[in-house]
Amino acid sequence: MRILYLLLVALFLVIQGVAGKSFIPRPIDTCKIQNGLCIPGICRRPYYWIGLCNNGYSCCRRYVEI
């Protein structure tokens, strides 16, 4: 029974710590940071491959002509 009380105290402390957080952190989407677009398969024109997305798709960016 004493263990149950200790577990409840530990749960209370965890919940109290989580209540102060303003948001739930998400994994960083590196494709969006590079102004890319996640496309299943390979990149076709007018896009070129710049990496992989978190879900395994190709991260593609549009050609920019100046």
PDB file of N, CA and C in Angstrom:
ATOM      1  N   MET A   1       0.812  -1.193   0.000  1.00  0.00           N
ATOM      2  CA  MET A   1       0.000   0.000   0.000  1.00  0.00           C
ATOM      3  C   MET A   1       0.858   1.261   0.000  1.00  0.00           C
ATOM      4  N   ARG A   2       1.995   1.206   0.704  1.00  0.00           N
ATOM      5  CA  ARG A   2       2.867   2.387   0.745  1.00  0.00           C
ATOM      6  C   ARG A   2       3.417   2.702  -0.639  1.00  0.00           C
ATOM      7  N   ILE A   3       3.668   1.680  -1.412  1.00  0.00           N
ATOM      8  CA  ILE A   3       4.185   1.891  -2.764  1.00  0.00           C
ATOM      9  C   ILE A   3       3.158   2.635  -3.608  1.00  0.00           C
ATOM     10  N   LEU A   4       1.901   2.337  -3.426  1.00  0.00           N
ATOM     11  CA  LEU A   4       0.840   3.015  -4.165  1.00  0.00           C
ATOM     12  C   LEU A   4       0.849   4.517  -3.881  1.00  0.00           C
ATOM     13  N   TYR A   5       1.019   4.894  -2.618  1.00  0.00           N
ATOM     14  CA  TYR A   5       1.072   6.307  -2.263  1.00  0.00           C
ATOM     15  C   TYR A   5       2.289   6.985  -2.891  1.00  0.00           C
ATOM     16  N   LEU A   6       3.432   6.295  -2.889  1.00  0.00           N
ATOM     17  CA  LEU A   6       4.628   6.866  -3.500  1.00  0.00           C
ATOM     18  C   LEU A   6       4.440   7.044  -5.012  1.00  0.00           C
ATOM     19  N   LEU A   7       3.773   6.074  -5.640  1.00  0.00           N
ATOM     20  CA  LEU A   7       3.508   6.195  -7.069  1.00  0.00           C
ATOM     21  C   LEU A   7       2.560   7.359  -7.369  1.00  0.00           C
ATOM     22  N   LEU A   8       1.572   7.560  -6.516  1.00  0.00           N
ATOM     23  CA  LEU A   8       0.655   8.682  -6.699  1.00  0.00           C
ATOM     24  C   LEU A   8       1.376  10.022  -6.540  1.00  0.00           C
ATOM     25  N   VAL A   9       2.294  10.109  -5.580  1.00  0.00           N
ATOM     26  CA  VAL A   9       3.068  11.341  -5.399  1.00  0.00           C
ATOM     27  C   VAL A   9       3.943  11.584  -6.625  1.00  0.00           C
ATOM     28  N   ALA A  10       4.596  10.542  -7.127  1.00  0.00           N
ATOM     29  CA  ALA A  10       5.442  10.686  -8.311  1.00  0.00           C
ATOM     30  C   ALA A  10       4.600  11.106  -9.521  1.00  0.00           C
ATOM     31  N   LEU A  11       3.430  10.523  -9.693  1.00  0.00           N
ATOM     32  CA  LEU A  11       2.542  10.895 -10.796  1.00  0.00           C
ATOM     33  C   LEU A  11       2.107  12.351 -10.670  1.00  0.00           C
ATOM     34  N   PHE A  12       1.790  12.782  -9.463  1.00  0.00           N
ATOM     35  CA  PHE A  12       1.403  14.171  -9.232  1.00  0.00           C
ATOM     36  C   PHE A  12       2.536  15.123  -9.612  1.00  0.00           C
ATOM     37  N   LEU A  13       3.769  14.794  -9.247  1.00  0.00           N
ATOM     38  CA  LEU A  13       4.907  15.648  -9.576  1.00  0.00           C
ATOM     39  C   LEU A  13       5.135  15.717 -11.087  1.00  0.00           C
ATOM     40  N   VAL A  14       4.952  14.611 -11.780  1.00  0.00           N
ATOM     41  CA  VAL A  14       5.111  14.593 -13.231  1.00  0.00           C
ATOM     42  C   VAL A  14       4.040  15.438 -13.894  1.00  0.00           C
ATOM     43  N   ILE A  15       2.805  15.282 -13.460  1.00  0.00           N
ATOM     44  CA  ILE A  15       1.700  16.050 -14.040  1.00  0.00           C
ATOM     45  C   ILE A  15       1.883  17.535 -13.752  1.00  0.00           C
ATOM     46  N   GLN A  16       2.359  17.870 -12.579  1.00  0.00           N
ATOM     47  CA  GLN A  16       2.578  19.268 -12.231  1.00  0.00           C
ATOM     48  C   GLN A  16       3.672  19.876 -13.112  1.00  0.00           C
ATOM     49  N   GLY A  17       4.709  19.109 -13.413  1.00  0.00           N
ATOM     50  CA  GLY A  17       5.775  19.601 -14.280  1.00  0.00           C
ATOM     51  C   GLY A  17       5.315  19.779 -15.713  1.00  0.00           C
ATOM     52  N   VAL A  18       4.459  18.892 -16.185  1.00  0.00           N
ATOM     53  CA  VAL A  18       3.959  18.975 -17.558  1.00  0.00           C
ATOM     54  C   VAL A  18       3.002  20.146 -17.719  1.00  0.00           C
ATOM     55  N   ALA A  19       2.295  20.512 -16.668  1.00  0.00           N
ATOM     56  CA  ALA A  19       1.322  21.598 -16.749  1.00  0.00           C
ATOM     57  C   ALA A  19       1.987  22.925 -17.069  1.00  0.00           C
ATOM     58  N   GLY A  20       3.262  23.092 -16.730  1.00  0.00           N
ATOM     59  CA  GLY A  20       3.961  24.344 -16.998  1.00  0.00           C
ATOM     60  C   GLY A  20       4.444  24.482 -18.421  1.00  0.00           C
ATOM     61  N   LYS A  21       4.436  23.420 -19.193  1.00  0.00           N
ATOM     62  CA  LYS A  21       4.911  23.486 -20.570  1.00  0.00           C
ATOM     63  C   LYS A  21       3.856  24.144 -21.443  1.00  0.00           C
ATOM     64  N   SER A  22       4.317  24.995 -22.381  1.00  0.00           N
ATOM     65  CA  SER A  22       3.381  25.714 -23.227  1.00  0.00           C
ATOM     66  C   SER A  22       2.974  24.915 -24.464  1.00  0.00           C
ATOM     67  N   PHE A  23       3.787  23.965 -24.870  1.00  0.00           N
ATOM     68  CA  PHE A  23       3.458  23.167 -26.049  1.00  0.00           C
ATOM     69  C   PHE A  23       4.161  21.826 -25.958  1.00  0.00           C
ATOM     70  N   ILE A  24       3.717  20.890 -26.794  1.00  0.00           N
ATOM     71  CA  ILE A  24       4.349  19.580 -26.873  1.00  0.00           C
ATOM     72  C   ILE A  24       5.368  19.641 -27.997  1.00  0.00           C
ATOM     73  N   PRO A  25       6.646  19.388 -27.726  1.00  0.00           N
ATOM     74  CA  PRO A  25       7.650  19.483 -28.782  1.00  0.00           C
ATOM     75  C   PRO A  25       7.424  18.421 -29.852  1.00  0.00           C
ATOM     76  N   ARG A  26       7.577  18.820 -31.095  1.00  0.00           N
ATOM     77  CA  ARG A  26       7.433  17.908 -32.234  1.00  0.00           C
ATOM     78  C   ARG A  26       8.785  17.727 -32.905  1.00  0.00           C
ATOM     79  N   PRO A  27       8.949  16.642 -33.627  1.00  0.00           N
ATOM     80  CA  PRO A  27      10.210  16.490 -34.359  1.00  0.00           C
ATOM     81  C   PRO A  27      10.356  17.589 -35.414  1.00  0.00           C
ATOM     82  N   ILE A  28      11.565  18.034 -35.619  1.00  0.00           N
ATOM     83  CA  ILE A  28      11.827  19.103 -36.572  1.00  0.00           C
ATOM     84  C   ILE A  28      11.685  18.565 -37.993  1.00  0.00           C
ATOM     85  N   ASP A  29      10.904  19.256 -38.804  1.00  0.00           N
ATOM     86  CA  ASP A  29      10.713  18.870 -40.196  1.00  0.00           C
ATOM     87  C   ASP A  29      11.772  19.571 -41.035  1.00  0.00           C
ATOM     88  N   THR A  30      12.863  18.870 -41.333  1.00  0.00           N
ATOM     89  CA  THR A  30      13.985  19.476 -42.045  1.00  0.00           C
ATOM     90  C   THR A  30      13.627  19.851 -43.474  1.00  0.00           C
ATOM     91  N   CYS A  31      12.660  19.188 -44.059  1.00  0.00           N
ATOM     92  CA  CYS A  31      12.261  19.516 -45.427  1.00  0.00           C
ATOM     93  C   CYS A  31      11.592  20.885 -45.468  1.00  0.00           C
ATOM     94  N   LYS A  32      10.705  21.152 -44.528  1.00  0.00           N
ATOM     95  CA  LYS A  32      10.029  22.455 -44.487  1.00  0.00           C
ATOM     96  C   LYS A  32      11.017  23.573 -44.202  1.00  0.00           C
ATOM     97  N   ILE A  33      12.043  23.300 -43.383  1.00  0.00           N
ATOM     98  CA  ILE A  33      13.054  24.304 -43.078  1.00  0.00           C
ATOM     99  C   ILE A  33      13.795  24.709 -44.346  1.00  0.00           C
ATOM    100  N   GLN A  34      14.015  23.751 -45.260  1.00  0.00           N
ATOM    101  CA  GLN A  34      14.726  24.019 -46.511  1.00  0.00           C
ATOM    102  C   GLN A  34      13.785  24.485 -47.619  1.00  0.00           C
ATOM    103  N   ASN A  35      12.557  24.859 -47.255  1.00  0.00           N
ATOM    104  CA  ASN A  35      11.534  25.283 -48.220  1.00  0.00           C
ATOM    105  C   ASN A  35      11.257  24.190 -49.248  1.00  0.00           C
ATOM    106  N   GLY A  36      11.200  22.958 -48.777  1.00  0.00           N
ATOM    107  CA  GLY A  36      10.947  21.824 -49.646  1.00  0.00           C
ATOM    108  C   GLY A  36       9.525  21.323 -49.553  1.00  0.00           C
ATOM    109  N   LEU A  37       9.259  20.279 -50.334  1.00  0.00           N
ATOM    110  CA  LEU A  37       7.942  19.670 -50.415  1.00  0.00           C
ATOM    111  C   LEU A  37       8.129  18.159 -50.397  1.00  0.00           C
ATOM    112  N   CYS A  38       7.398  17.442 -49.558  1.00  0.00           N
ATOM    113  CA  CYS A  38       7.497  15.984 -49.476  1.00  0.00           C
ATOM    114  C   CYS A  38       6.651  15.362 -50.580  1.00  0.00           C
ATOM    115  N   ILE A  39       7.298  14.573 -51.444  1.00  0.00           N
ATOM    116  CA  ILE A  39       6.634  13.954 -52.584  1.00  0.00           C
ATOM    117  C   ILE A  39       6.942  12.458 -52.562  1.00  0.00           C
ATOM    118  N   PRO A  40       5.919  11.598 -52.676  1.00  0.00           N
ATOM    119  CA  PRO A  40       6.208  10.163 -52.747  1.00  0.00           C
ATOM    120  C   PRO A  40       6.899   9.828 -54.067  1.00  0.00           C
ATOM    121  N   GLY A  41       7.889   8.956 -54.004  1.00  0.00           N
ATOM    122  CA  GLY A  41       8.619   8.586 -55.219  1.00  0.00           C
ATOM    123  C   GLY A  41       9.771   9.538 -55.477  1.00  0.00           C
ATOM    124  N   ILE A  42      10.054   9.761 -56.772  1.00  0.00           N
ATOM    125  CA  ILE A  42      11.171  10.624 -57.141  1.00  0.00           C
ATOM    126  C   ILE A  42      10.673  12.018 -57.508  1.00  0.00           C
ATOM    127  N   CYS A  43      11.577  12.972 -57.465  1.00  0.00           N
ATOM    128  CA  CYS A  43      11.233  14.357 -57.816  1.00  0.00           C
ATOM    129  C   CYS A  43      11.229  14.506 -59.335  1.00  0.00           C
ATOM    130  N   ARG A  44      10.207  15.116 -59.847  1.00  0.00           N
ATOM    131  CA  ARG A  44      10.106  15.366 -61.283  1.00  0.00           C
ATOM    132  C   ARG A  44      10.188  16.864 -61.530  1.00  0.00           C
ATOM    133  N   ARG A  45      10.440  17.227 -62.780  1.00  0.00           N
ATOM    134  CA  ARG A  45      10.524  18.640 -63.132  1.00  0.00           C
ATOM    135  C   ARG A  45       9.256  19.353 -62.772  1.00  0.00           C
ATOM    136  N   PRO A  46       9.264  20.504 -62.312  1.00  0.00           N
ATOM    137  CA  PRO A  46      10.338  21.485 -62.099  1.00  0.00           C
ATOM    138  C   PRO A  46      10.975  21.396 -60.715  1.00  0.00           C
ATOM    139  N   TYR A  47      10.957  20.229 -60.079  1.00  0.00           N
ATOM    140  CA  TYR A  47      11.527  20.057 -58.749  1.00  0.00           C
ATOM    141  C   TYR A  47      12.832  19.278 -58.821  1.00  0.00           C
ATOM    142  N   TYR A  48      13.698  19.477 -57.817  1.00  0.00           N
ATOM    143  CA  TYR A  48      14.908  18.674 -57.693  1.00  0.00           C
ATOM    144  C   TYR A  48      15.023  18.168 -56.268  1.00  0.00           C
ATOM    145  N   TRP A  49      15.734  17.048 -56.114  1.00  0.00           N
ATOM    146  CA  TRP A  49      15.827  16.343 -54.836  1.00  0.00           C
ATOM    147  C   TRP A  49      16.806  17.059 -53.917  1.00  0.00           C
ATOM    148  N   ILE A  50      16.388  17.293 -52.654  1.00  0.00           N
ATOM    149  CA  ILE A  50      17.292  17.916 -51.677  1.00  0.00           C
ATOM    150  C   ILE A  50      17.469  17.061 -50.431  1.00  0.00           C
ATOM    151  N   GLY A  51      16.714  15.955 -50.314  1.00  0.00           N
ATOM    152  CA  GLY A  51      16.869  15.098 -49.149  1.00  0.00           C
ATOM    153  C   GLY A  51      15.668  14.201 -48.940  1.00  0.00           C
ATOM    154  N   LEU A  52      15.551  13.669 -47.725  1.00  0.00           N
ATOM    155  CA  LEU A  52      14.446  12.788 -47.369  1.00  0.00           C
ATOM    156  C   LEU A  52      13.572  13.437 -46.309  1.00  0.00           C
ATOM    157  N   CYS A  53      12.300  13.139 -46.370  1.00  0.00           N
ATOM    158  CA  CYS A  53      11.363  13.608 -45.354  1.00  0.00           C
ATOM    159  C   CYS A  53      11.326  12.596 -44.208  1.00  0.00           C
ATOM    160  N   ASN A  54      10.658  12.966 -43.118  1.00  0.00           N
ATOM    161  CA  ASN A  54      10.563  12.086 -41.951  1.00  0.00           C
ATOM    162  C   ASN A  54       9.816  10.801 -42.264  1.00  0.00           C
ATOM    163  N   ASN A  55       8.878  10.837 -43.209  1.00  0.00           N
ATOM    164  CA  ASN A  55       8.081   9.660 -43.535  1.00  0.00           C
ATOM    165  C   ASN A  55       8.693   8.822 -44.664  1.00  0.00           C
ATOM    166  N   GLY A  56       9.900   9.163 -45.129  1.00  0.00           N
ATOM    167  CA  GLY A  56      10.576   8.388 -46.161  1.00  0.00           C
ATOM    168  C   GLY A  56      10.344   8.896 -47.571  1.00  0.00           C
ATOM    169  N   TYR A  57       9.494   9.902 -47.733  1.00  0.00           N
ATOM    170  CA  TYR A  57       9.265  10.491 -49.053  1.00  0.00           C
ATOM    171  C   TYR A  57      10.483  11.319 -49.463  1.00  0.00           C
ATOM    172  N   SER A  58      10.511  11.700 -50.728  1.00  0.00           N
ATOM    173  CA  SER A  58      11.576  12.558 -51.220  1.00  0.00           C
ATOM    174  C   SER A  58      11.257  14.011 -50.890  1.00  0.00           C
ATOM    175  N   CYS A  59      12.263  14.720 -50.441  1.00  0.00           N
ATOM    176  CA  CYS A  59      12.111  16.152 -50.188  1.00  0.00           C
ATOM    177  C   CYS A  59      12.589  16.876 -51.437  1.00  0.00           C
ATOM    178  N   CYS A  60      11.690  17.598 -52.082  1.00  0.00           N
ATOM    179  CA  CYS A  60      11.989  18.244 -53.359  1.00  0.00           C
ATOM    180  C   CYS A  60      11.804  19.750 -53.235  1.00  0.00           C
ATOM    181  N   ARG A  61      12.600  20.489 -54.014  1.00  0.00           N
ATOM    182  CA  ARG A  61      12.494  21.938 -54.064  1.00  0.00           C
ATOM    183  C   ARG A  61      12.339  22.358 -55.513  1.00  0.00           C
ATOM    184  N   ARG A  62      11.578  23.406 -55.725  1.00  0.00           N
ATOM    185  CA  ARG A  62      11.329  23.912 -57.058  1.00  0.00           C
ATOM    186  C   ARG A  62      12.529  24.710 -57.551  1.00  0.00           C
ATOM    187  N   TYR A  63      12.865  24.545 -58.849  1.00  0.00           N
ATOM    188  CA  TYR A  63      13.926  25.325 -59.460  1.00  0.00           C
ATOM    189  C   TYR A  63      13.569  26.799 -59.420  1.00  0.00           C
ATOM    190  N   VAL A  64      14.532  27.640 -59.116  1.00  0.00           N
ATOM    191  CA  VAL A  64      14.322  29.083 -59.131  1.00  0.00           C
ATOM    192  C   VAL A  64      15.252  29.666 -60.172  1.00  0.00           C
ATOM    193  N   GLU A  65      14.680  30.291 -61.187  1.00  0.00           N
ATOM    194  CA  GLU A  65      15.491  30.920 -62.215  1.00  0.00           C
ATOM    195  C   GLU A  65      15.519  32.411 -61.984  1.00  0.00           C
ATOM    196  N   ILE A  66      16.707  32.956 -62.050  1.00  0.00           N
ATOM    197  CA  ILE A  66      16.869  34.396 -61.815  1.00  0.00           C
ATOM    198  C   ILE A  66      17.097  35.112 -63.133  1.00  0.00           C
TER     199      ILE A  66
END
